Amino acid sequence: MTKDEVGFWLEVGKVAASIATPIVVAIIGILLLRRIESVKATVAKQSEFHRKWADQFFECGQEFMQAIERDLALLTTLAGLKNPNDAFGVALKEEISQLTTTLSELELRIRRSVVFAPFTGSAVTKASSECIALLRNLLAAMKGNVDEIIEKMNEFNVASRKAHAEMLGLHAAEQYVPRDAPKTRRLG
């Protein structure tokens, strides 16, 4: 091959490469874009799933706290009655009985929900069980330390916040630092 022929074929190669390069880049770009969109769709579906579970967990935790607050209010009122066996006292006892069932149901829902918080979920379950145990003891004796239950409720709230953040793939921000506790309140 002569020098002119080599030069000719070299020029043809340069032209072919300059034409092929944008086409190859475009094809690779389209394939990458499709893959990225597929990954984004998968992540969005997973994120939506975890968000829904986290929302359900949050709602359940709120219901749990409201039921405990209601139960404490009823127990406090019942303990202050002169005659807890009058019509009003019996009505309070019936509502407390219904709340006991509600709290057990909510505790089961919480235990089921924290499966998506494997690192922090056990603290939520432990705190909810302890809240219920303290309430049952208070109900059985009709006297006890209400502040102890409130402190367990605070532990439940802190643990729930961390579990909720874990479910969403977030980091629970700052640590809970309790304020100065009020004087201990006792029932009975």
C-alpha atoms as a PDB file:
ATOM      1  CA  MET A   1       0.000   0.000   0.000  1.00  0.00           C
ATOM      2  CA  THR A   2       1.208   3.369  -0.906  1.00  0.00           C
ATOM      3  CA  LYS A   3       1.435   6.341   1.342  1.00  0.00           C
ATOM      4  CA  ASP A   4      -1.502   7.970  -0.421  1.00  0.00           C
ATOM      5  CA  GLU A   5      -3.695   4.885   0.054  1.00  0.00           C
ATOM      6  CA  VAL A   6      -2.836   4.698   3.755  1.00  0.00           C
ATOM      7  CA  GLY A   7      -3.676   8.378   4.100  1.00  0.00           C
ATOM      8  CA  PHE A   8      -6.957   7.842   2.266  1.00  0.00           C
ATOM      9  CA  TRP A   9      -8.001   4.956   4.505  1.00  0.00           C
ATOM     10  CA  LEU A  10      -6.909   6.879   7.555  1.00  0.00           C
ATOM     11  CA  GLU A  11      -9.166   9.756   6.527  1.00  0.00           C
ATOM     12  CA  VAL A  12     -12.048   7.327   5.887  1.00  0.00           C
ATOM     13  CA  GLY A  13     -11.509   5.862   9.374  1.00  0.00           C
ATOM     14  CA  LYS A  14     -11.548   9.346  10.917  1.00  0.00           C
ATOM     15  CA  VAL A  15     -14.807  10.236   9.136  1.00  0.00           C
ATOM     16  CA  ALA A  16     -16.383   6.903  10.112  1.00  0.00           C
ATOM     17  CA  ALA A  17     -15.310   7.368  13.724  1.00  0.00           C
ATOM     18  CA  SER A  18     -16.625  10.920  13.806  1.00  0.00           C
ATOM     19  CA  ILE A  19     -19.990   9.711  12.489  1.00  0.00           C
ATOM     20  CA  ALA A  20     -20.166   6.585  14.688  1.00  0.00           C
ATOM     21  CA  THR A  21     -19.109   8.240  17.963  1.00  0.00           C
ATOM     22  CA  PRO A  22     -22.256  10.386  18.451  1.00  0.00           C
ATOM     23  CA  ILE A  23     -24.459   7.434  17.448  1.00  0.00           C
ATOM     24  CA  VAL A  24     -22.769   5.095  19.952  1.00  0.00           C
ATOM     25  CA  VAL A  25     -22.913   7.766  22.661  1.00  0.00           C
ATOM     26  CA  ALA A  26     -26.620   8.339  21.935  1.00  0.00           C
ATOM     27  CA  ILE A  27     -27.376   4.604  22.136  1.00  0.00           C
ATOM     28  CA  ILE A  28     -25.448   4.230  25.398  1.00  0.00           C
ATOM     29  CA  GLY A  29     -27.216   7.323  26.759  1.00  0.00           C
ATOM     30  CA  ILE A  30     -30.652   5.938  25.869  1.00  0.00           C
ATOM     31  CA  LEU A  31     -29.837   2.583  27.493  1.00  0.00           C
ATOM     32  CA  LEU A  32     -28.543   4.300  30.633  1.00  0.00           C
ATOM     33  CA  LEU A  33     -31.586   6.566  30.782  1.00  0.00           C
ATOM     34  CA  ARG A  34     -33.940   3.584  30.541  1.00  0.00           C
ATOM     35  CA  ARG A  35     -32.048   1.796  33.305  1.00  0.00           C
ATOM     36  CA  ILE A  36     -32.092   4.887  35.520  1.00  0.00           C
ATOM     37  CA  GLU A  37     -35.834   5.332  34.995  1.00  0.00           C
ATOM     38  CA  SER A  38     -36.391   1.670  35.874  1.00  0.00           C
ATOM     39  CA  VAL A  39     -34.359   2.027  39.073  1.00  0.00           C
ATOM     40  CA  LYS A  40     -36.189   5.253  39.967  1.00  0.00           C
ATOM     41  CA  ALA A  41     -39.557   3.526  39.508  1.00  0.00           C
ATOM     42  CA  THR A  42     -38.478   0.614  41.721  1.00  0.00           C
ATOM     43  CA  VAL A  43     -37.179   2.960  44.415  1.00  0.00           C
ATOM     44  CA  ALA A  44     -40.394   5.003  44.277  1.00  0.00           C
ATOM     45  CA  LYS A  45     -42.495   1.867  44.755  1.00  0.00           C
ATOM     46  CA  GLN A  46     -40.382   0.734  47.703  1.00  0.00           C
ATOM     47  CA  SER A  47     -40.416   4.218  49.184  1.00  0.00           C
ATOM     48  CA  GLU A  48     -44.202   4.420  48.852  1.00  0.00           C
ATOM     49  CA  PHE A  49     -44.543   1.046  50.585  1.00  0.00           C
ATOM     50  CA  HIS A  50     -42.361   2.129  53.507  1.00  0.00           C
ATOM     51  CA  ARG A  51     -44.091   5.519  53.730  1.00  0.00           C
ATOM     52  CA  LYS A  52     -47.501   3.832  53.975  1.00  0.00           C
ATOM     53  CA  TRP A  53     -46.297   1.494  56.720  1.00  0.00           C
ATOM     54  CA  ALA A  54     -44.690   4.408  58.560  1.00  0.00           C
ATOM     55  CA  ASP A  55     -47.932   6.414  58.286  1.00  0.00           C
ATOM     56  CA  GLN A  56     -49.958   3.488  59.651  1.00  0.00           C
ATOM     57  CA  PHE A  57     -47.452   3.041  62.466  1.00  0.00           C
ATOM     58  CA  PHE A  58     -47.651   6.743  63.298  1.00  0.00           C
ATOM     59  CA  GLU A  59     -51.468   6.674  63.394  1.00  0.00           C
ATOM     60  CA  CYS A  60     -51.437   3.572  65.583  1.00  0.00           C
ATOM     61  CA  GLY A  61     -48.963   5.177  67.977  1.00  0.00           C
ATOM     62  CA  GLN A  62     -51.142   8.273  68.236  1.00  0.00           C
ATOM     63  CA  GLU A  63     -54.230   6.165  68.962  1.00  0.00           C
ATOM     64  CA  PHE A  64     -52.247   4.226  71.572  1.00  0.00           C
ATOM     65  CA  MET A  65     -51.180   7.418  73.340  1.00  0.00           C
ATOM     66  CA  GLN A  66     -54.719   8.834  73.267  1.00  0.00           C
ATOM     67  CA  ALA A  67     -56.119   5.612  74.720  1.00  0.00           C
ATOM     68  CA  ILE A  68     -53.559   5.646  77.544  1.00  0.00           C
ATOM     69  CA  GLU A  69     -54.283   9.311  78.262  1.00  0.00           C
ATOM     70  CA  ARG A  70     -58.007   8.607  78.352  1.00  0.00           C
ATOM     71  CA  ASP A  71     -57.479   5.583  80.600  1.00  0.00           C
ATOM     72  CA  LEU A  72     -55.337   7.627  83.008  1.00  0.00           C
ATOM     73  CA  ALA A  73     -57.943  10.397  83.124  1.00  0.00           C
ATOM     74  CA  LEU A  74     -60.710   7.895  83.841  1.00  0.00           C
ATOM     75  CA  LEU A  75     -58.672   6.135  86.534  1.00  0.00           C
ATOM     76  CA  THR A  76     -57.823   9.460  88.166  1.00  0.00           C
ATOM     77  CA  THR A  77     -61.485  10.468  88.146  1.00  0.00           C
ATOM     78  CA  LEU A  78     -62.585   7.069  89.450  1.00  0.00           C
ATOM     79  CA  ALA A  79     -60.025   7.147  92.272  1.00  0.00           C
ATOM     80  CA  GLY A  80     -61.326  10.547  93.360  1.00  0.00           C
ATOM     81  CA  LEU A  81     -64.955   9.459  93.634  1.00  0.00           C
ATOM     82  CA  LYS A  82     -66.486   9.120  97.074  1.00  0.00           C
ATOM     83  CA  ASN A  83     -68.594   6.223  95.844  1.00  0.00           C
ATOM     84  CA  PRO A  84     -66.945   4.469  92.881  1.00  0.00           C
ATOM     85  CA  ASN A  85     -69.870   2.036  92.707  1.00  0.00           C
ATOM     86  CA  ASP A  86     -72.533   4.637  91.896  1.00  0.00           C
ATOM     87  CA  ALA A  87     -73.869   4.994  88.339  1.00  0.00           C
ATOM     88  CA  PHE A  88     -71.092   7.370  87.288  1.00  0.00           C
ATOM     89  CA  GLY A  89     -68.387   5.113  88.743  1.00  0.00           C
ATOM     90  CA  VAL A  90     -69.841   2.070  86.990  1.00  0.00           C
ATOM     91  CA  ALA A  91     -69.885   3.971  83.676  1.00  0.00           C
ATOM     92  CA  LEU A  92     -66.227   4.911  84.186  1.00  0.00           C
ATOM     93  CA  LYS A  93     -65.344   1.283  84.927  1.00  0.00           C
ATOM     94  CA  GLU A  94     -67.113   0.143  81.754  1.00  0.00           C
ATOM     95  CA  GLU A  95     -65.191   2.621  79.639  1.00  0.00           C
ATOM     96  CA  ILE A  96     -61.932   1.580  81.316  1.00  0.00           C
ATOM     97  CA  SER A  97     -62.769  -2.029  80.475  1.00  0.00           C
ATOM     98  CA  GLN A  98     -63.350  -1.118  76.827  1.00  0.00           C
ATOM     99  CA  LEU A  99     -60.083   0.834  76.757  1.00  0.00           C
ATOM    100  CA  THR A 100     -58.229  -2.229  78.071  1.00  0.00           C
ATOM    101  CA  THR A 101     -59.335  -4.145  74.989  1.00  0.00           C
ATOM    102  CA  THR A 102     -58.504  -1.211  72.720  1.00  0.00           C
ATOM    103  CA  LEU A 103     -55.030  -0.876  74.220  1.00  0.00           C
ATOM    104  CA  SER A 104     -54.339  -4.594  73.733  1.00  0.00           C
ATOM    105  CA  GLU A 105     -55.406  -4.328  70.093  1.00  0.00           C
ATOM    106  CA  LEU A 106     -53.252  -1.263  69.529  1.00  0.00           C
ATOM    107  CA  GLU A 107     -50.270  -2.944  71.180  1.00  0.00           C
ATOM    108  CA  LEU A 108     -50.626  -5.863  68.748  1.00  0.00           C
ATOM    109  CA  ARG A 109     -50.804  -3.465  65.794  1.00  0.00           C
ATOM    110  CA  ILE A 110     -47.679  -1.701  67.050  1.00  0.00           C
ATOM    111  CA  ARG A 111     -45.821  -5.003  67.390  1.00  0.00           C
ATOM    112  CA  ARG A 112     -46.839  -5.914  63.849  1.00  0.00           C
ATOM    113  CA  SER A 113     -45.856  -2.507  62.465  1.00  0.00           C
ATOM    114  CA  VAL A 114     -42.354  -2.288  63.891  1.00  0.00           C
ATOM    115  CA  VAL A 115     -41.160  -5.137  61.708  1.00  0.00           C
ATOM    116  CA  PHE A 116     -39.917  -2.441  59.321  1.00  0.00           C
ATOM    117  CA  ALA A 117     -37.809  -0.872  62.064  1.00  0.00           C
ATOM    118  CA  PRO A 118     -35.502  -3.780  62.927  1.00  0.00           C
ATOM    119  CA  PHE A 119     -33.015  -1.675  64.909  1.00  0.00           C
ATOM    120  CA  THR A 120     -35.375   0.526  66.936  1.00  0.00           C
ATOM    121  CA  GLY A 121     -38.659  -1.404  66.914  1.00  0.00           C
ATOM    122  CA  SER A 122     -37.941  -3.495  70.012  1.00  0.00           C
ATOM    123  CA  ALA A 123     -37.734  -0.344  72.162  1.00  0.00           C
ATOM    124  CA  VAL A 124     -41.219   0.653  70.958  1.00  0.00           C
ATOM    125  CA  THR A 125     -42.647  -2.763  71.751  1.00  0.00           C
ATOM    126  CA  LYS A 126     -40.997  -2.791  75.180  1.00  0.00           C
ATOM    127  CA  ALA A 127     -42.259   0.694  76.072  1.00  0.00           C
ATOM    128  CA  SER A 128     -45.827  -0.069  74.930  1.00  0.00           C
ATOM    129  CA  SER A 129     -45.889  -3.289  76.974  1.00  0.00           C
ATOM    130  CA  GLU A 130     -44.554  -1.474  80.025  1.00  0.00           C
ATOM    131  CA  CYS A 131     -47.165   1.287  79.675  1.00  0.00           C
ATOM    132  CA  ILE A 132     -49.944  -1.288  79.604  1.00  0.00           C
ATOM    133  CA  ALA A 133     -48.488  -3.251  82.532  1.00  0.00           C
ATOM    134  CA  LEU A 134     -48.240  -0.090  84.646  1.00  0.00           C
ATOM    135  CA  LEU A 135     -51.824   0.847  83.744  1.00  0.00           C
ATOM    136  CA  ARG A 136     -53.071  -2.616  84.708  1.00  0.00           C
ATOM    137  CA  ASN A 137     -51.250  -2.402  88.040  1.00  0.00           C
ATOM    138  CA  LEU A 138     -52.752   1.021  88.644  1.00  0.00           C
ATOM    139  CA  LEU A 139     -56.220  -0.281  87.808  1.00  0.00           C
ATOM    140  CA  ALA A 140     -55.862  -3.330  90.069  1.00  0.00           C
ATOM    141  CA  ALA A 141     -54.633  -1.352  93.088  1.00  0.00           C
ATOM    142  CA  MET A 142     -56.489   1.902  92.315  1.00  0.00           C
ATOM    143  CA  LYS A 143     -53.391   3.699  93.507  1.00  0.00           C
ATOM    144  CA  GLY A 144     -49.906   4.220  92.178  1.00  0.00           C
ATOM    145  CA  ASN A 145     -47.501   6.609  90.537  1.00  0.00           C
ATOM    146  CA  VAL A 146     -49.072   8.340  87.527  1.00  0.00           C
ATOM    147  CA  ASP A 147     -45.777  10.057  86.708  1.00  0.00           C
ATOM    148  CA  GLU A 148     -44.133   6.656  86.246  1.00  0.00           C
ATOM    149  CA  ILE A 149     -46.690   5.878  83.547  1.00  0.00           C
ATOM    150  CA  ILE A 150     -46.184   9.294  81.956  1.00  0.00           C
ATOM    151  CA  GLU A 151     -42.417   8.688  81.876  1.00  0.00           C
ATOM    152  CA  LYS A 152     -43.031   5.345  80.125  1.00  0.00           C
ATOM    153  CA  MET A 153     -45.289   7.172  77.677  1.00  0.00           C
ATOM    154  CA  ASN A 154     -42.412   9.565  76.990  1.00  0.00           C
ATOM    155  CA  GLU A 155     -40.104   6.598  76.388  1.00  0.00           C
ATOM    156  CA  PHE A 156     -42.700   5.186  73.997  1.00  0.00           C
ATOM    157  CA  ASN A 157     -42.869   8.498  72.120  1.00  0.00           C
ATOM    158  CA  VAL A 158     -39.093   8.775  71.774  1.00  0.00           C
ATOM    159  CA  ALA A 159     -38.768   5.149  70.645  1.00  0.00           C
ATOM    160  CA  SER A 160     -41.668   5.629  68.210  1.00  0.00           C
ATOM    161  CA  ARG A 161     -40.038   8.696  66.678  1.00  0.00           C
ATOM    162  CA  LYS A 162     -36.847   6.749  66.082  1.00  0.00           C
ATOM    163  CA  ALA A 163     -38.705   3.740  64.660  1.00  0.00           C
ATOM    164  CA  HIS A 164     -40.756   5.978  62.379  1.00  0.00           C
ATOM    165  CA  ALA A 165     -37.577   7.641  61.105  1.00  0.00           C
ATOM    166  CA  GLU A 166     -36.007   4.231  60.537  1.00  0.00           C
ATOM    167  CA  MET A 167     -39.064   3.092  58.567  1.00  0.00           C
ATOM    168  CA  LEU A 168     -38.689   6.126  56.334  1.00  0.00           C
ATOM    169  CA  GLY A 169     -34.946   5.643  55.994  1.00  0.00           C
ATOM    170  CA  LEU A 170     -34.209   8.845  57.908  1.00  0.00           C
ATOM    171  CA  HIS A 171     -32.002   9.470  60.893  1.00  0.00           C
ATOM    172  CA  ALA A 172     -33.817  10.453  64.069  1.00  0.00           C
ATOM    173  CA  ALA A 173     -32.476  13.938  64.685  1.00  0.00           C
ATOM    174  CA  GLU A 174     -31.531  14.966  68.177  1.00  0.00           C
ATOM    175  CA  GLN A 175     -31.746  12.748  71.211  1.00  0.00           C
ATOM    176  CA  TYR A 176     -34.564  13.211  73.709  1.00  0.00           C
ATOM    177  CA  VAL A 177     -33.460  15.080  76.804  1.00  0.00           C
ATOM    178  CA  PRO A 178     -36.101  15.026  79.550  1.00  0.00           C
ATOM    179  CA  ARG A 179     -37.037  18.287  81.186  1.00  0.00           C
ATOM    180  CA  ASP A 180     -37.084  18.626  84.926  1.00  0.00           C
ATOM    181  CA  ALA A 181     -39.716  16.169  86.053  1.00  0.00           C
ATOM    182  CA  PRO A 182     -42.651  17.615  87.965  1.00  0.00           C
ATOM    183  CA  LYS A 183     -43.366  16.498  91.482  1.00  0.00           C
ATOM    184  CA  THR A 184     -44.570  12.934  91.643  1.00  0.00           C
ATOM    185  CA  ARG A 185     -48.319  12.558  91.505  1.00  0.00           C
ATOM    186  CA  ARG A 186     -49.872   9.585  93.155  1.00  0.00           C
ATOM    187  CA  LEU A 187     -53.291   8.109  92.683  1.00  0.00           C
ATOM    188  CA  GLY A 188     -55.191   7.110  95.815  1.00  0.00           C
END
